[in-house]
Each structure stands twice: as structure tokens, then as C-alpha cells.
Amino acid sequence: LYFSAQEGILLFYHIKGRQFEMNVCADISQPISSLIFSPDYTVLLLVTDQGTVYTYKPAHGGEAVKLLETCSSCFLAADFLTPGNKYCVSVTISGEVQVWFLEDGTCLSKLNLDIEVCV
């Protein structure tokens, strides 16, 4: 079970029967608004309240890697484009939809909806 604390800490609970163990996976020091697993569960996207997207690879451990950072408007949501886990799509509060290459954070495409997005 992965979840985040208010302070931007990604935590993992390993639960087996009545036993559990909690591990700190990453500390990004920004409140995390959503966690999204890739379809094959190898990559976890961490979206922050401040408009930054990080990737975390559970099998590799280590720290979360900053992938995207918005300047003009905060990310409202992000998700993987399937099949696979090479691309993600994000939407900002201002209504800009973007497609990203996850390997290096390159923005591949943008579409402005010309409307403020709330959900």
C-alpha cells in the first residue's frame, strides 16, 4: 500500500497477515495531490499541489525523480497513456492538456481547452 503524508513523504506499508511494516520511500517536500501507477506497475507518478510531477520506481528504490514542472499553471491531474508506460498526459487548472515523454520529460504535444478545469 503506497500513500503520501501531508509533508510530501511517500510511504509504503507492507502488509502480511496481521503484521505490517512501514517504509519511507521518498521525501519530495511538497504536498502530493495524487499517486498514479503505470499499467504494468513499474512506475509511480507523484503529482504535487505546486505543479510538479515526479516518477518513482518501486523496484529500484531510491529517490523520486523530478520529471515535469509547470510555470504558468499548476497540474490538476496526470495519468499514463496506454498501452505501455512511456508517455503521460497532464491537464493544468488553466485547461492546457499536454502529452509528455516520461524518459526525459519532453513535452510532445499541447492542446489548450480555453476553459478553466476543476476536476
N, C-alpha and C. Protein backbone atom coordinates (compact mmCIF):
# COMPACT_ATOMS: atom_id res chain seq x y z
N LEU A 1 0.85 -1.17 0.00
CA LEU A 1 0.00 0.00 0.00
C LEU A 1 0.90 1.23 0.00
N TYR A 2 0.78 2.07 -1.02
CA TYR A 2 1.52 3.33 -1.10
C TYR A 2 0.58 4.47 -0.75
N PHE A 3 1.08 5.43 -0.01
CA PHE A 3 0.30 6.63 0.28
C PHE A 3 1.26 7.75 0.62
N SER A 4 0.74 8.97 0.68
CA SER A 4 1.61 10.10 0.99
C SER A 4 1.11 10.82 2.22
N ALA A 5 2.05 11.36 2.95
CA ALA A 5 1.75 12.19 4.11
C ALA A 5 1.65 13.64 3.64
N GLN A 6 1.05 14.48 4.44
CA GLN A 6 0.82 15.88 4.10
C GLN A 6 2.12 16.60 3.75
N GLU A 7 3.22 16.21 4.34
CA GLU A 7 4.50 16.91 4.14
C GLU A 7 5.21 16.52 2.85
N GLY A 8 4.62 15.64 2.02
CA GLY A 8 5.26 15.25 0.77
C GLY A 8 6.13 14.02 0.90
N ILE A 9 5.81 13.17 1.86
CA ILE A 9 6.58 11.95 2.05
C ILE A 9 5.78 10.78 1.47
N LEU A 10 6.42 10.01 0.60
CA LEU A 10 5.81 8.82 0.03
C LEU A 10 6.13 7.65 0.95
N LEU A 11 5.07 6.97 1.42
CA LEU A 11 5.23 5.86 2.35
C LEU A 11 4.71 4.57 1.74
N PHE A 12 5.29 3.46 2.17
CA PHE A 12 4.86 2.14 1.72
C PHE A 12 4.58 1.28 2.95
N TYR A 13 3.39 0.71 2.99
CA TYR A 13 3.03 -0.26 4.04
C TYR A 13 3.06 -1.64 3.41
N HIS A 14 3.91 -2.49 3.93
CA HIS A 14 3.94 -3.90 3.52
C HIS A 14 3.10 -4.64 4.55
N ILE A 15 1.98 -5.21 4.10
CA ILE A 15 1.05 -5.88 4.99
C ILE A 15 1.04 -7.37 4.67
N LYS A 16 1.26 -8.18 5.69
CA LYS A 16 1.23 -9.63 5.52
C LYS A 16 0.53 -10.22 6.74
N GLY A 17 -0.68 -10.71 6.50
CA GLY A 17 -1.48 -11.23 7.61
C GLY A 17 -1.78 -10.12 8.59
N ARG A 18 -1.41 -10.31 9.84
CA ARG A 18 -1.63 -9.30 10.88
C ARG A 18 -0.39 -8.47 11.14
N GLN A 19 0.65 -8.70 10.38
CA GLN A 19 1.91 -7.98 10.52
C GLN A 19 1.99 -6.88 9.45
N PHE A 20 2.62 -5.78 9.79
CA PHE A 20 2.86 -4.74 8.79
C PHE A 20 4.17 -4.04 9.10
N GLU A 21 4.72 -3.47 8.05
CA GLU A 21 5.96 -2.72 8.16
C GLU A 21 5.83 -1.47 7.32
N MET A 22 6.21 -0.32 7.86
CA MET A 22 6.13 0.93 7.12
C MET A 22 7.53 1.38 6.73
N ASN A 23 7.68 1.78 5.45
CA ASN A 23 8.95 2.29 4.95
C ASN A 23 8.73 3.64 4.30
N VAL A 24 9.67 4.56 4.50
CA VAL A 24 9.67 5.83 3.80
C VAL A 24 10.36 5.61 2.46
N CYS A 25 9.66 5.89 1.37
CA CYS A 25 10.22 5.67 0.02
C CYS A 25 10.91 6.91 -0.53
N ALA A 26 10.26 8.06 -0.35
CA ALA A 26 10.80 9.30 -0.91
C ALA A 26 10.24 10.49 -0.15
N ASP A 27 11.01 11.56 -0.10
CA ASP A 27 10.57 12.81 0.51
C ASP A 27 10.78 13.91 -0.52
N ILE A 28 9.67 14.41 -1.07
CA ILE A 28 9.79 15.45 -2.10
C ILE A 28 9.48 16.84 -1.54
N SER A 29 9.14 16.92 -0.26
CA SER A 29 8.95 18.19 0.45
C SER A 29 7.89 19.09 -0.17
N GLN A 30 6.94 18.51 -0.87
CA GLN A 30 5.78 19.23 -1.41
C GLN A 30 4.57 18.33 -1.21
N PRO A 31 3.43 18.89 -0.81
CA PRO A 31 2.24 18.05 -0.66
C PRO A 31 1.90 17.33 -1.97
N ILE A 32 1.68 16.03 -1.88
CA ILE A 32 1.36 15.21 -3.04
C ILE A 32 -0.16 15.15 -3.19
N SER A 33 -0.65 15.53 -4.37
CA SER A 33 -2.11 15.54 -4.58
C SER A 33 -2.62 14.24 -5.16
N SER A 34 -1.78 13.51 -5.91
CA SER A 34 -2.23 12.22 -6.42
C SER A 34 -1.06 11.30 -6.74
N LEU A 35 -1.34 10.00 -6.66
CA LEU A 35 -0.40 8.93 -6.98
C LEU A 35 -1.03 8.09 -8.07
N ILE A 36 -0.31 7.82 -9.15
CA ILE A 36 -0.86 7.03 -10.26
C ILE A 36 0.17 5.99 -10.68
N PHE A 37 -0.20 4.72 -10.65
CA PHE A 37 0.68 3.66 -11.11
C PHE A 37 0.55 3.49 -12.62
N SER A 38 1.68 3.14 -13.26
CA SER A 38 1.66 2.78 -14.67
C SER A 38 0.89 1.47 -14.82
N PRO A 39 0.40 1.18 -16.03
CA PRO A 39 -0.37 -0.05 -16.24
C PRO A 39 0.37 -1.32 -15.84
N ASP A 40 1.71 -1.34 -15.94
CA ASP A 40 2.46 -2.53 -15.55
C ASP A 40 3.02 -2.43 -14.12
N TYR A 41 2.63 -1.40 -13.40
CA TYR A 41 3.01 -1.18 -12.00
C TYR A 41 4.51 -1.04 -11.77
N THR A 42 5.24 -0.57 -12.77
CA THR A 42 6.68 -0.39 -12.60
C THR A 42 7.06 1.05 -12.25
N VAL A 43 6.16 2.00 -12.54
CA VAL A 43 6.44 3.42 -12.30
C VAL A 43 5.24 4.03 -11.58
N LEU A 44 5.54 4.88 -10.63
CA LEU A 44 4.51 5.60 -9.90
C LEU A 44 4.69 7.09 -10.17
N LEU A 45 3.64 7.75 -10.66
CA LEU A 45 3.68 9.20 -10.85
C LEU A 45 3.22 9.86 -9.56
N LEU A 46 3.95 10.87 -9.11
CA LEU A 46 3.58 11.66 -7.94
C LEU A 46 3.29 13.07 -8.43
N VAL A 47 2.07 13.53 -8.29
CA VAL A 47 1.68 14.87 -8.73
C VAL A 47 1.53 15.73 -7.49
N THR A 48 2.18 16.91 -7.47
CA THR A 48 2.13 17.77 -6.30
C THR A 48 1.13 18.89 -6.47
N ASP A 49 0.77 19.51 -5.36
CA ASP A 49 -0.13 20.66 -5.36
C ASP A 49 0.49 21.86 -6.09
N GLN A 50 1.81 21.90 -6.17
CA GLN A 50 2.50 23.06 -6.72
C GLN A 50 2.85 22.91 -8.20
N GLY A 51 2.34 21.84 -8.83
CA GLY A 51 2.53 21.72 -10.26
C GLY A 51 3.77 20.98 -10.70
N THR A 52 4.24 20.06 -9.89
CA THR A 52 5.42 19.28 -10.24
C THR A 52 5.02 17.81 -10.31
N VAL A 53 5.61 17.08 -11.27
CA VAL A 53 5.36 15.66 -11.39
C VAL A 53 6.69 14.93 -11.21
N TYR A 54 6.68 13.94 -10.34
CA TYR A 54 7.86 13.11 -10.07
C TYR A 54 7.55 11.68 -10.51
N THR A 55 8.59 10.92 -10.82
CA THR A 55 8.44 9.49 -11.05
C THR A 55 9.19 8.75 -9.94
N TYR A 56 8.63 7.63 -9.55
CA TYR A 56 9.26 6.77 -8.55
C TYR A 56 9.13 5.34 -9.04
N LYS A 57 10.24 4.61 -9.04
CA LYS A 57 10.25 3.22 -9.49
C LYS A 57 10.41 2.32 -8.27
N PRO A 58 9.31 1.71 -7.80
CA PRO A 58 9.36 0.90 -6.58
C PRO A 58 10.41 -0.22 -6.61
N ALA A 59 10.58 -0.88 -7.72
CA ALA A 59 11.53 -1.99 -7.79
C ALA A 59 12.98 -1.52 -7.64
N HIS A 60 13.25 -0.27 -8.01
CA HIS A 60 14.61 0.25 -7.95
C HIS A 60 14.89 0.99 -6.66
N GLY A 61 13.83 1.32 -5.89
CA GLY A 61 14.02 2.09 -4.67
C GLY A 61 14.57 3.46 -4.99
N GLY A 62 15.37 4.00 -4.13
CA GLY A 62 15.97 5.30 -4.38
C GLY A 62 14.97 6.43 -4.25
N GLU A 63 15.35 7.58 -4.74
CA GLU A 63 14.53 8.77 -4.61
C GLU A 63 13.60 8.95 -5.80
N ALA A 64 12.58 9.76 -5.60
CA ALA A 64 11.70 10.16 -6.69
C ALA A 64 12.48 11.14 -7.57
N VAL A 65 12.24 11.08 -8.87
CA VAL A 65 12.94 11.92 -9.84
C VAL A 65 11.97 12.96 -10.38
N LYS A 66 12.38 14.25 -10.30
CA LYS A 66 11.53 15.32 -10.82
C LYS A 66 11.48 15.19 -12.34
N LEU A 67 10.26 15.11 -12.87
CA LEU A 67 10.10 14.93 -14.30
C LEU A 67 9.60 16.20 -14.96
N LEU A 68 8.56 16.78 -14.41
CA LEU A 68 7.91 17.94 -15.02
C LEU A 68 7.67 19.01 -13.97
N GLU A 69 7.77 20.26 -14.41
CA GLU A 69 7.44 21.36 -13.52
C GLU A 69 6.77 22.43 -14.37
N THR A 70 5.60 22.83 -13.95
CA THR A 70 4.86 23.83 -14.70
C THR A 70 5.18 25.22 -14.18
N CYS A 71 5.15 26.19 -15.04
CA CYS A 71 5.41 27.57 -14.62
C CYS A 71 4.13 28.38 -14.61
N SER A 72 3.29 28.16 -15.60
CA SER A 72 2.13 29.02 -15.79
C SER A 72 0.92 28.61 -14.98
N SER A 73 0.71 27.35 -14.78
CA SER A 73 -0.48 26.88 -14.10
C SER A 73 -0.20 25.52 -13.49
N CYS A 74 -0.75 25.26 -12.34
CA CYS A 74 -0.49 24.00 -11.65
C CYS A 74 -1.19 22.84 -12.33
N PHE A 75 -0.52 21.69 -12.31
CA PHE A 75 -1.13 20.47 -12.82
C PHE A 75 -2.32 20.12 -11.94
N LEU A 76 -3.40 19.77 -12.56
CA LEU A 76 -4.56 19.30 -11.83
C LEU A 76 -4.52 17.78 -11.73
N ALA A 77 -4.10 17.14 -12.83
CA ALA A 77 -4.05 15.69 -12.86
C ALA A 77 -3.06 15.24 -13.92
N ALA A 78 -2.60 13.99 -13.75
CA ALA A 78 -1.72 13.36 -14.74
C ALA A 78 -2.04 11.88 -14.73
N ASP A 79 -1.81 11.24 -15.86
CA ASP A 79 -2.03 9.80 -15.96
C ASP A 79 -1.20 9.25 -17.10
N PHE A 80 -1.00 7.96 -17.10
CA PHE A 80 -0.25 7.30 -18.16
C PHE A 80 -1.13 7.13 -19.40
N LEU A 81 -0.50 7.23 -20.58
CA LEU A 81 -1.18 6.89 -21.83
C LEU A 81 -0.87 5.43 -22.10
N THR A 82 -1.90 4.66 -22.30
CA THR A 82 -1.70 3.22 -22.51
C THR A 82 -1.91 2.87 -23.97
N PRO A 83 -1.35 1.81 -24.47
CA PRO A 83 -0.62 0.79 -23.73
C PRO A 83 0.79 1.26 -23.41
N GLY A 84 1.39 0.60 -22.45
CA GLY A 84 2.75 0.92 -22.06
C GLY A 84 2.83 2.00 -21.00
N ASN A 85 4.06 2.43 -20.73
CA ASN A 85 4.27 3.46 -19.72
C ASN A 85 5.37 4.44 -20.15
N LYS A 86 5.41 4.74 -21.45
CA LYS A 86 6.41 5.67 -21.97
C LYS A 86 5.92 7.12 -22.00
N TYR A 87 4.59 7.30 -21.96
CA TYR A 87 4.02 8.63 -22.11
C TYR A 87 2.99 8.89 -21.01
N CYS A 88 2.84 10.17 -20.66
CA CYS A 88 1.76 10.53 -19.76
C CYS A 88 1.07 11.77 -20.31
N VAL A 89 -0.13 11.98 -19.85
CA VAL A 89 -0.92 13.15 -20.23
C VAL A 89 -1.23 13.92 -18.95
N SER A 90 -1.19 15.23 -19.04
CA SER A 90 -1.50 16.06 -17.87
C SER A 90 -2.47 17.15 -18.29
N VAL A 91 -3.16 17.68 -17.30
CA VAL A 91 -4.03 18.82 -17.54
C VAL A 91 -3.77 19.83 -16.42
N THR A 92 -3.70 21.10 -16.80
CA THR A 92 -3.48 22.15 -15.82
C THR A 92 -4.81 22.80 -15.47
N ILE A 93 -4.82 23.54 -14.39
CA ILE A 93 -6.03 24.24 -13.96
C ILE A 93 -6.51 25.20 -15.04
N SER A 94 -5.58 25.78 -15.80
CA SER A 94 -5.96 26.72 -16.86
C SER A 94 -6.51 26.04 -18.11
N GLY A 95 -6.51 24.69 -18.14
CA GLY A 95 -7.10 23.97 -19.25
C GLY A 95 -6.14 23.55 -20.33
N GLU A 96 -4.85 23.50 -20.04
CA GLU A 96 -3.88 23.06 -21.03
C GLU A 96 -3.63 21.56 -20.85
N VAL A 97 -3.88 20.80 -21.91
CA VAL A 97 -3.64 19.35 -21.91
C VAL A 97 -2.30 19.13 -22.62
N GLN A 98 -1.43 18.33 -21.99
CA GLN A 98 -0.10 18.10 -22.54
C GLN A 98 0.23 16.61 -22.53
N VAL A 99 0.96 16.17 -23.54
CA VAL A 99 1.46 14.80 -23.60
C VAL A 99 2.96 14.87 -23.42
N TRP A 100 3.49 14.02 -22.51
CA TRP A 100 4.89 14.05 -22.13
C TRP A 100 5.56 12.70 -22.40
N PHE A 101 6.83 12.76 -22.78
CA PHE A 101 7.66 11.56 -22.88
C PHE A 101 8.32 11.38 -21.51
N LEU A 102 8.03 10.26 -20.85
CA LEU A 102 8.46 10.08 -19.46
C LEU A 102 9.96 9.89 -19.28
N GLU A 103 10.64 9.43 -20.30
CA GLU A 103 12.07 9.16 -20.16
C GLU A 103 12.86 10.42 -19.84
N ASP A 104 12.51 11.54 -20.49
CA ASP A 104 13.28 12.77 -20.26
C ASP A 104 12.42 14.01 -19.99
N GLY A 105 11.09 13.84 -19.89
CA GLY A 105 10.22 14.97 -19.58
C GLY A 105 9.93 15.89 -20.75
N THR A 106 10.19 15.44 -21.97
CA THR A 106 9.93 16.26 -23.16
C THR A 106 8.43 16.39 -23.40
N CYS A 107 7.98 17.62 -23.61
CA CYS A 107 6.58 17.85 -23.96
C CYS A 107 6.42 17.58 -25.45
N LEU A 108 5.57 16.62 -25.80
CA LEU A 108 5.39 16.21 -27.19
C LEU A 108 4.23 16.91 -27.87
N SER A 109 3.23 17.31 -27.09
CA SER A 109 2.04 17.90 -27.69
C SER A 109 1.28 18.70 -26.64
N LYS A 110 0.60 19.76 -27.10
CA LYS A 110 -0.22 20.60 -26.22
C LYS A 110 -1.54 20.90 -26.89
N LEU A 111 -2.55 21.04 -26.07
CA LEU A 111 -3.87 21.45 -26.54
C LEU A 111 -4.47 22.33 -25.47
N ASN A 112 -4.86 23.55 -25.85
CA ASN A 112 -5.48 24.45 -24.90
C ASN A 112 -6.99 24.34 -25.04
N LEU A 113 -7.67 23.98 -23.95
CA LEU A 113 -9.12 23.80 -23.96
C LEU A 113 -9.87 25.12 -23.87
N ASP A 114 -9.16 26.21 -23.62
CA ASP A 114 -9.77 27.55 -23.48
C ASP A 114 -10.87 27.59 -22.45
N ILE A 115 -10.67 26.83 -21.36
CA ILE A 115 -11.61 26.82 -20.25
C ILE A 115 -10.86 26.41 -19.00
N GLU A 116 -11.24 26.97 -17.85
CA GLU A 116 -10.62 26.56 -16.60
C GLU A 116 -11.15 25.19 -16.19
N VAL A 117 -10.24 24.33 -15.75
CA VAL A 117 -10.60 22.96 -15.39
C VAL A 117 -10.61 22.83 -13.87
N CYS A 118 -11.59 22.09 -13.35
CA CYS A 118 -11.66 21.95 -11.89
C CYS A 118 -11.58 20.50 -11.43
N VAL A 119 -11.86 19.53 -12.28
CA VAL A 119 -11.77 18.13 -11.87
C VAL A 119 -11.20 17.32 -13.02
